[in-house]
Amino acid sequence: MYPPARHPPGQPFKFTVTESCDRIKEEFQFLQAQYHSLKLECEKLASEKTEMQRHYVMYYEMSYGLNIEMHKQV
């Protein structure tokens, strides 16, 4: 269930300052990469949303114009 302990049971973890700094640096770099990836995905979705809105307006205007023409002919 749990991964095997890397240190004898009952003894506290002994991390050096350098090891702790390295681990923090690795975690920070991982979080930065994750943030960058999510930011790019968000920008992509925002541009897709803008494009969809533009298409919606275009179709709405075409539909409105067609409706006007149909009423003129009736």
PDB file of N, CA and C in Angstrom:
ATOM      1  N   MET A   1       0.829  -1.192   0.000  1.00  0.00           N
ATOM      2  CA  MET A   1       0.000   0.000   0.000  1.00  0.00           C
ATOM      3  C   MET A   1       0.872   1.253   0.000  1.00  0.00           C
ATOM      4  N   TYR A   2       1.832   1.311   0.908  1.00  0.00           N
ATOM      5  CA  TYR A   2       2.747   2.439   0.947  1.00  0.00           C
ATOM      6  C   TYR A   2       4.084   2.017   0.355  1.00  0.00           C
ATOM      7  N   PRO A   3       4.813   2.955  -0.259  1.00  0.00           N
ATOM      8  CA  PRO A   3       6.138   2.580  -0.784  1.00  0.00           C
ATOM      9  C   PRO A   3       7.071   2.226   0.361  1.00  0.00           C
ATOM     10  N   PRO A   4       8.038   1.382   0.090  1.00  0.00           N
ATOM     11  CA  PRO A   4       8.956   0.989   1.169  1.00  0.00           C
ATOM     12  C   PRO A   4       9.713   2.195   1.702  1.00  0.00           C
ATOM     13  N   ALA A   5       9.922   2.196   2.999  1.00  0.00           N
ATOM     14  CA  ALA A   5      10.622   3.302   3.638  1.00  0.00           C
ATOM     15  C   ALA A   5      12.084   3.293   3.218  1.00  0.00           C
ATOM     16  N   ARG A   6      12.634   4.471   3.008  1.00  0.00           N
ATOM     17  CA  ARG A   6      14.036   4.575   2.614  1.00  0.00           C
ATOM     18  C   ARG A   6      14.944   4.760   3.826  1.00  0.00           C
ATOM     19  N   HIS A   7      14.350   4.906   4.973  1.00  0.00           N
ATOM     20  CA  HIS A   7      15.138   5.102   6.191  1.00  0.00           C
ATOM     21  C   HIS A   7      14.625   4.143   7.258  1.00  0.00           C
ATOM     22  N   PRO A   8      15.430   3.866   8.235  1.00  0.00           N
ATOM     23  CA  PRO A   8      14.996   2.951   9.299  1.00  0.00           C
ATOM     24  C   PRO A   8      13.769   3.506  10.019  1.00  0.00           C
ATOM     25  N   PRO A   9      12.804   2.638  10.351  1.00  0.00           N
ATOM     26  CA  PRO A   9      11.604   3.111  11.052  1.00  0.00           C
ATOM     27  C   PRO A   9      11.953   3.708  12.413  1.00  0.00           C
ATOM     28  N   GLY A  10      11.191   4.733  12.756  1.00  0.00           N
ATOM     29  CA  GLY A  10      11.394   5.351  14.058  1.00  0.00           C
ATOM     30  C   GLY A  10      12.439   6.448  14.070  1.00  0.00           C
ATOM     31  N   GLN A  11      13.173   6.608  12.982  1.00  0.00           N
ATOM     32  CA  GLN A  11      14.172   7.663  12.928  1.00  0.00           C
ATOM     33  C   GLN A  11      13.648   8.784  12.025  1.00  0.00           C
ATOM     34  N   PRO A  12      13.878  10.036  12.396  1.00  0.00           N
ATOM     35  CA  PRO A  12      13.391  11.155  11.575  1.00  0.00           C
ATOM     36  C   PRO A  12      14.173  11.254  10.262  1.00  0.00           C
ATOM     37  N   PHE A  13      13.527  11.877   9.278  1.00  0.00           N
ATOM     38  CA  PHE A  13      14.216  12.128   8.010  1.00  0.00           C
ATOM     39  C   PHE A  13      15.374  13.085   8.264  1.00  0.00           C
ATOM     40  N   LYS A  14      16.475  12.847   7.573  1.00  0.00           N
ATOM     41  CA  LYS A  14      17.625  13.744   7.692  1.00  0.00           C
ATOM     42  C   LYS A  14      17.952  14.259   6.293  1.00  0.00           C
ATOM     43  N   PHE A  15      17.468  15.446   5.997  1.00  0.00           N
ATOM     44  CA  PHE A  15      17.759  16.073   4.708  1.00  0.00           C
ATOM     45  C   PHE A  15      18.795  17.151   4.910  1.00  0.00           C
ATOM     46  N   THR A  16      19.721  17.211   3.990  1.00  0.00           N
ATOM     47  CA  THR A  16      20.674  18.314   4.033  1.00  0.00           C
ATOM     48  C   THR A  16      20.015  19.519   3.394  1.00  0.00           C
ATOM     49  N   VAL A  17      20.589  20.666   3.629  1.00  0.00           N
ATOM     50  CA  VAL A  17      20.059  21.898   3.041  1.00  0.00           C
ATOM     51  C   VAL A  17      20.132  21.803   1.522  1.00  0.00           C
ATOM     52  N   THR A  18      21.218  21.266   1.012  1.00  0.00           N
ATOM     53  CA  THR A  18      21.391  21.147  -0.434  1.00  0.00           C
ATOM     54  C   THR A  18      20.328  20.228  -1.039  1.00  0.00           C
ATOM     55  N   GLU A  19      20.070  19.077  -0.389  1.00  0.00           N
ATOM     56  CA  GLU A  19      19.036  18.161  -0.893  1.00  0.00           C
ATOM     57  C   GLU A  19      17.669  18.825  -0.878  1.00  0.00           C
ATOM     58  N   SER A  20      17.381  19.538   0.204  1.00  0.00           N
ATOM     59  CA  SER A  20      16.091  20.223   0.312  1.00  0.00           C
ATOM     60  C   SER A  20      15.956  21.279  -0.776  1.00  0.00           C
ATOM     61  N   CYS A  21      17.003  22.037  -0.999  1.00  0.00           N
ATOM     62  CA  CYS A  21      16.970  23.072  -2.041  1.00  0.00           C
ATOM     63  C   CYS A  21      16.786  22.442  -3.421  1.00  0.00           C
ATOM     64  N   ASP A  22      17.471  21.340  -3.670  1.00  0.00           N
ATOM     65  CA  ASP A  22      17.333  20.651  -4.956  1.00  0.00           C
ATOM     66  C   ASP A  22      15.908  20.149  -5.168  1.00  0.00           C
ATOM     67  N   ARG A  23      15.321  19.589  -4.133  1.00  0.00           N
ATOM     68  CA  ARG A  23      13.940  19.096  -4.245  1.00  0.00           C
ATOM     69  C   ARG A  23      12.973  20.243  -4.500  1.00  0.00           C
ATOM     70  N   ILE A  24      13.176  21.346  -3.786  1.00  0.00           N
ATOM     71  CA  ILE A  24      12.314  22.520  -3.989  1.00  0.00           C
ATOM     72  C   ILE A  24      12.479  23.053  -5.394  1.00  0.00           C
ATOM     73  N   LYS A  25      13.714  23.085  -5.874  1.00  0.00           N
ATOM     74  CA  LYS A  25      13.978  23.565  -7.229  1.00  0.00           C
ATOM     75  C   LYS A  25      13.295  22.675  -8.265  1.00  0.00           C
ATOM     76  N   GLU A  26      13.366  21.357  -8.092  1.00  0.00           N
ATOM     77  CA  GLU A  26      12.721  20.425  -9.015  1.00  0.00           C
ATOM     78  C   GLU A  26      11.205  20.608  -9.011  1.00  0.00           C
ATOM     79  N   GLU A  27      10.640  20.726  -7.815  1.00  0.00           N
ATOM     80  CA  GLU A  27       9.190  20.936  -7.706  1.00  0.00           C
ATOM     81  C   GLU A  27       8.788  22.241  -8.378  1.00  0.00           C
ATOM     82  N   PHE A  28       9.568  23.294  -8.157  1.00  0.00           N
ATOM     83  CA  PHE A  28       9.268  24.599  -8.747  1.00  0.00           C
ATOM     84  C   PHE A  28       9.334  24.532 -10.263  1.00  0.00           C
ATOM     85  N   GLN A  29      10.352  23.868 -10.800  1.00  0.00           N
ATOM     86  CA  GLN A  29      10.469  23.732 -12.251  1.00  0.00           C
ATOM     87  C   GLN A  29       9.303  22.934 -12.824  1.00  0.00           C
ATOM     88  N   PHE A  30       8.890  21.880 -12.120  1.00  0.00           N
ATOM     89  CA  PHE A  30       7.741  21.090 -12.556  1.00  0.00           C
ATOM     90  C   PHE A  30       6.482  21.950 -12.581  1.00  0.00           C
ATOM     91  N   LEU A  31       6.277  22.734 -11.522  1.00  0.00           N
ATOM     92  CA  LEU A  31       5.091  23.594 -11.460  1.00  0.00           C
ATOM     93  C   LEU A  31       5.141  24.679 -12.531  1.00  0.00           C
ATOM     94  N   GLN A  32       6.318  25.203 -12.806  1.00  0.00           N
ATOM     95  CA  GLN A  32       6.454  26.201 -13.870  1.00  0.00           C
ATOM     96  C   GLN A  32       6.089  25.602 -15.224  1.00  0.00           C
ATOM     97  N   ALA A  33       6.561  24.394 -15.493  1.00  0.00           N
ATOM     98  CA  ALA A  33       6.251  23.728 -16.764  1.00  0.00           C
ATOM     99  C   ALA A  33       4.753  23.457 -16.871  1.00  0.00           C
ATOM    100  N   GLN A  34       4.150  23.023 -15.773  1.00  0.00           N
ATOM    101  CA  GLN A  34       2.713  22.762 -15.756  1.00  0.00           C
ATOM    102  C   GLN A  34       1.939  24.055 -15.996  1.00  0.00           C
ATOM    103  N   TYR A  35       2.358  25.143 -15.348  1.00  0.00           N
ATOM    104  CA  TYR A  35       1.718  26.444 -15.523  1.00  0.00           C
ATOM    105  C   TYR A  35       1.816  26.894 -16.979  1.00  0.00           C
ATOM    106  N   HIS A  36       3.003  26.747 -17.551  1.00  0.00           N
ATOM    107  CA  HIS A  36       3.208  27.161 -18.943  1.00  0.00           C
ATOM    108  C   HIS A  36       2.296  26.366 -19.877  1.00  0.00           C
ATOM    109  N   SER A  37       2.204  25.073 -19.654  1.00  0.00           N
ATOM    110  CA  SER A  37       1.351  24.214 -20.471  1.00  0.00           C
ATOM    111  C   SER A  37      -0.115  24.627 -20.354  1.00  0.00           C
ATOM    112  N   LEU A  38      -0.567  24.864 -19.133  1.00  0.00           N
ATOM    113  CA  LEU A  38      -1.957  25.269 -18.923  1.00  0.00           C
ATOM    114  C   LEU A  38      -2.239  26.653 -19.503  1.00  0.00           C
ATOM    115  N   LYS A  39      -1.256  27.533 -19.424  1.00  0.00           N
ATOM    116  CA  LYS A  39      -1.424  28.878 -19.985  1.00  0.00           C
ATOM    117  C   LYS A  39      -1.586  28.800 -21.501  1.00  0.00           C
ATOM    118  N   LEU A  40      -0.763  27.975 -22.154  1.00  0.00           N
ATOM    119  CA  LEU A  40      -0.883  27.807 -23.599  1.00  0.00           C
ATOM    120  C   LEU A  40      -2.237  27.215 -23.979  1.00  0.00           C
ATOM    121  N   GLU A  41      -2.691  26.230 -23.213  1.00  0.00           N
ATOM    122  CA  GLU A  41      -3.993  25.619 -23.483  1.00  0.00           C
ATOM    123  C   GLU A  41      -5.120  26.640 -23.306  1.00  0.00           C
ATOM    124  N   CYS A  42      -5.008  27.463 -22.284  1.00  0.00           N
ATOM    125  CA  CYS A  42      -6.014  28.493 -22.026  1.00  0.00           C
ATOM    126  C   CYS A  42      -6.049  29.516 -23.167  1.00  0.00           C
ATOM    127  N   GLU A  43      -4.881  29.935 -23.641  1.00  0.00           N
ATOM    128  CA  GLU A  43      -4.812  30.878 -24.757  1.00  0.00           C
ATOM    129  C   GLU A  43      -5.414  30.271 -26.023  1.00  0.00           C
ATOM    130  N   LYS A  44      -5.141  28.987 -26.250  1.00  0.00           N
ATOM    131  CA  LYS A  44      -5.700  28.297 -27.406  1.00  0.00           C
ATOM    132  C   LYS A  44      -7.224  28.259 -27.317  1.00  0.00           C
ATOM    133  N   LEU A  45      -7.740  27.911 -26.143  1.00  0.00           N
ATOM    134  CA  LEU A  45      -9.192  27.854 -25.958  1.00  0.00           C
ATOM    135  C   LEU A  45      -9.825  29.240 -26.114  1.00  0.00           C
ATOM    136  N   ALA A  46      -9.151  30.262 -25.630  1.00  0.00           N
ATOM    137  CA  ALA A  46      -9.669  31.623 -25.765  1.00  0.00           C
ATOM    138  C   ALA A  46      -9.747  32.024 -27.234  1.00  0.00           C
ATOM    139  N   SER A  47      -8.731  31.666 -28.024  1.00  0.00           N
ATOM    140  CA  SER A  47      -8.766  32.008 -29.452  1.00  0.00           C
ATOM    141  C   SER A  47      -9.852  31.206 -30.170  1.00  0.00           C
ATOM    142  N   GLU A  48     -10.047  29.942 -29.765  1.00  0.00           N
ATOM    143  CA  GLU A  48     -11.125  29.140 -30.349  1.00  0.00           C
ATOM    144  C   GLU A  48     -12.485  29.735 -30.000  1.00  0.00           C
ATOM    145  N   LYS A  49     -12.622  30.204 -28.786  1.00  0.00           N
ATOM    146  CA  LYS A  49     -13.882  30.827 -28.355  1.00  0.00           C
ATOM    147  C   LYS A  49     -14.166  32.070 -29.198  1.00  0.00           C
ATOM    148  N   THR A  50     -13.148  32.893 -29.395  1.00  0.00           N
ATOM    149  CA  THR A  50     -13.315  34.098 -30.208  1.00  0.00           C
ATOM    150  C   THR A  50     -13.728  33.735 -31.624  1.00  0.00           C
ATOM    151  N   GLU A  51     -13.087  32.705 -32.183  1.00  0.00           N
ATOM    152  CA  GLU A  51     -13.418  32.263 -33.537  1.00  0.00           C
ATOM    153  C   GLU A  51     -14.855  31.747 -33.605  1.00  0.00           C
ATOM    154  N   MET A  52     -15.282  30.987 -32.600  1.00  0.00           N
ATOM    155  CA  MET A  52     -16.666  30.477 -32.568  1.00  0.00           C
ATOM    156  C   MET A  52     -17.662  31.631 -32.462  1.00  0.00           C
ATOM    157  N   GLN A  53     -17.345  32.634 -31.666  1.00  0.00           N
ATOM    158  CA  GLN A  53     -18.230  33.784 -31.537  1.00  0.00           C
ATOM    159  C   GLN A  53     -18.332  34.529 -32.863  1.00  0.00           C
ATOM    160  N   ARG A  54     -17.210  34.640 -33.557  1.00  0.00           N
ATOM    161  CA  ARG A  54     -17.204  35.311 -34.864  1.00  0.00           C
ATOM    162  C   ARG A  54     -18.088  34.548 -35.847  1.00  0.00           C
ATOM    163  N   HIS A  55     -17.990  33.231 -35.847  1.00  0.00           N
ATOM    164  CA  HIS A  55     -18.832  32.414 -36.733  1.00  0.00           C
ATOM    165  C   HIS A  55     -20.303  32.549 -36.364  1.00  0.00           C
ATOM    166  N   TYR A  56     -20.579  32.570 -35.063  1.00  0.00           N
ATOM    167  CA  TYR A  56     -21.961  32.709 -34.616  1.00  0.00           C
ATOM    168  C   TYR A  56     -22.557  34.021 -35.133  1.00  0.00           C
ATOM    169  N   VAL A  57     -21.820  35.107 -34.982  1.00  0.00           N
ATOM    170  CA  VAL A  57     -22.312  36.411 -35.447  1.00  0.00           C
ATOM    171  C   VAL A  57     -22.526  36.370 -36.951  1.00  0.00           C
ATOM    172  N   MET A  58     -21.587  35.776 -37.681  1.00  0.00           N
ATOM    173  CA  MET A  58     -21.722  35.702 -39.145  1.00  0.00           C
ATOM    174  C   MET A  58     -22.987  34.925 -39.525  1.00  0.00           C
ATOM    175  N   TYR A  59     -23.216  33.773 -38.904  1.00  0.00           N
ATOM    176  CA  TYR A  59     -24.416  32.983 -39.219  1.00  0.00           C
ATOM    177  C   TYR A  59     -25.688  33.707 -38.787  1.00  0.00           C
ATOM    178  N   TYR A  60     -25.628  34.393 -37.662  1.00  0.00           N
ATOM    179  CA  TYR A  60     -26.791  35.149 -37.206  1.00  0.00           C
ATOM    180  C   TYR A  60     -27.141  36.235 -38.212  1.00  0.00           C
ATOM    181  N   GLU A  61     -26.133  36.967 -38.692  1.00  0.00           N
ATOM    182  CA  GLU A  61     -26.380  38.023 -39.675  1.00  0.00           C
ATOM    183  C   GLU A  61     -26.933  37.448 -40.971  1.00  0.00           C
ATOM    184  N   MET A  62     -26.391  36.302 -41.406  1.00  0.00           N
ATOM    185  CA  MET A  62     -26.905  35.666 -42.628  1.00  0.00           C
ATOM    186  C   MET A  62     -28.355  35.234 -42.429  1.00  0.00           C
ATOM    187  N   SER A  63     -28.659  34.655 -41.284  1.00  0.00           N
ATOM    188  CA  SER A  63     -30.014  34.205 -40.986  1.00  0.00           C
ATOM    189  C   SER A  63     -30.972  35.395 -40.934  1.00  0.00           C
ATOM    190  N   TYR A  64     -30.534  36.466 -40.305  1.00  0.00           N
ATOM    191  CA  TYR A  64     -31.366  37.663 -40.207  1.00  0.00           C
ATOM    192  C   TYR A  64     -31.638  38.238 -41.594  1.00  0.00           C
ATOM    193  N   GLY A  65     -30.596  38.323 -42.426  1.00  0.00           N
ATOM    194  CA  GLY A  65     -30.762  38.833 -43.790  1.00  0.00           C
ATOM    195  C   GLY A  65     -31.698  37.955 -44.601  1.00  0.00           C
ATOM    196  N   LEU A  66     -31.585  36.649 -44.473  1.00  0.00           N
ATOM    197  CA  LEU A  66     -32.456  35.717 -45.189  1.00  0.00           C
ATOM    198  C   LEU A  66     -33.903  35.891 -44.734  1.00  0.00           C
ATOM    199  N   ASN A  67     -34.091  36.057 -43.432  1.00  0.00           N
ATOM    200  CA  ASN A  67     -35.427  36.266 -42.887  1.00  0.00           C
ATOM    201  C   ASN A  67     -36.048  37.555 -43.442  1.00  0.00           C
ATOM    202  N   ILE A  68     -35.278  38.617 -43.513  1.00  0.00           N
ATOM    203  CA  ILE A  68     -35.759  39.894 -44.075  1.00  0.00           C
ATOM    204  C   ILE A  68     -36.181  39.700 -45.531  1.00  0.00           C
ATOM    205  N   GLU A  69     -35.336  39.015 -46.305  1.00  0.00           N
ATOM    206  CA  GLU A  69     -35.653  38.781 -47.717  1.00  0.00           C
ATOM    207  C   GLU A  69     -36.942  37.959 -47.868  1.00  0.00           C
ATOM    208  N   MET A  70     -37.114  36.966 -47.014  1.00  0.00           N
ATOM    209  CA  MET A  70     -38.323  36.138 -47.083  1.00  0.00           C
ATOM    210  C   MET A  70     -39.565  36.980 -46.769  1.00  0.00           C
ATOM    211  N   HIS A  71     -39.453  37.881 -45.813  1.00  0.00           N
ATOM    212  CA  HIS A  71     -40.606  38.733 -45.469  1.00  0.00           C
ATOM    213  C   HIS A  71     -40.904  39.713 -46.593  1.00  0.00           C
ATOM    214  N   LYS A  72     -39.883  40.180 -47.281  1.00  0.00           N
ATOM    215  CA  LYS A  72     -40.094  41.093 -48.419  1.00  0.00           C
ATOM    216  C   LYS A  72     -40.866  40.398 -49.517  1.00  0.00           C
ATOM    217  N   GLN A  73     -40.569  39.116 -49.744  1.00  0.00           N
ATOM    218  CA  GLN A  73     -41.187  38.388 -50.852  1.00  0.00           C
ATOM    219  C   GLN A  73     -42.604  37.925 -50.521  1.00  0.00           C
ATOM    220  N   VAL A  74     -42.986  37.935 -49.277  1.00  0.00           N
ATOM    221  CA  VAL A  74     -44.319  37.463 -48.911  1.00  0.00           C
ATOM    222  C   VAL A  74     -45.358  38.541 -49.105  1.00  0.00           C
TER     223      VAL A  74
END
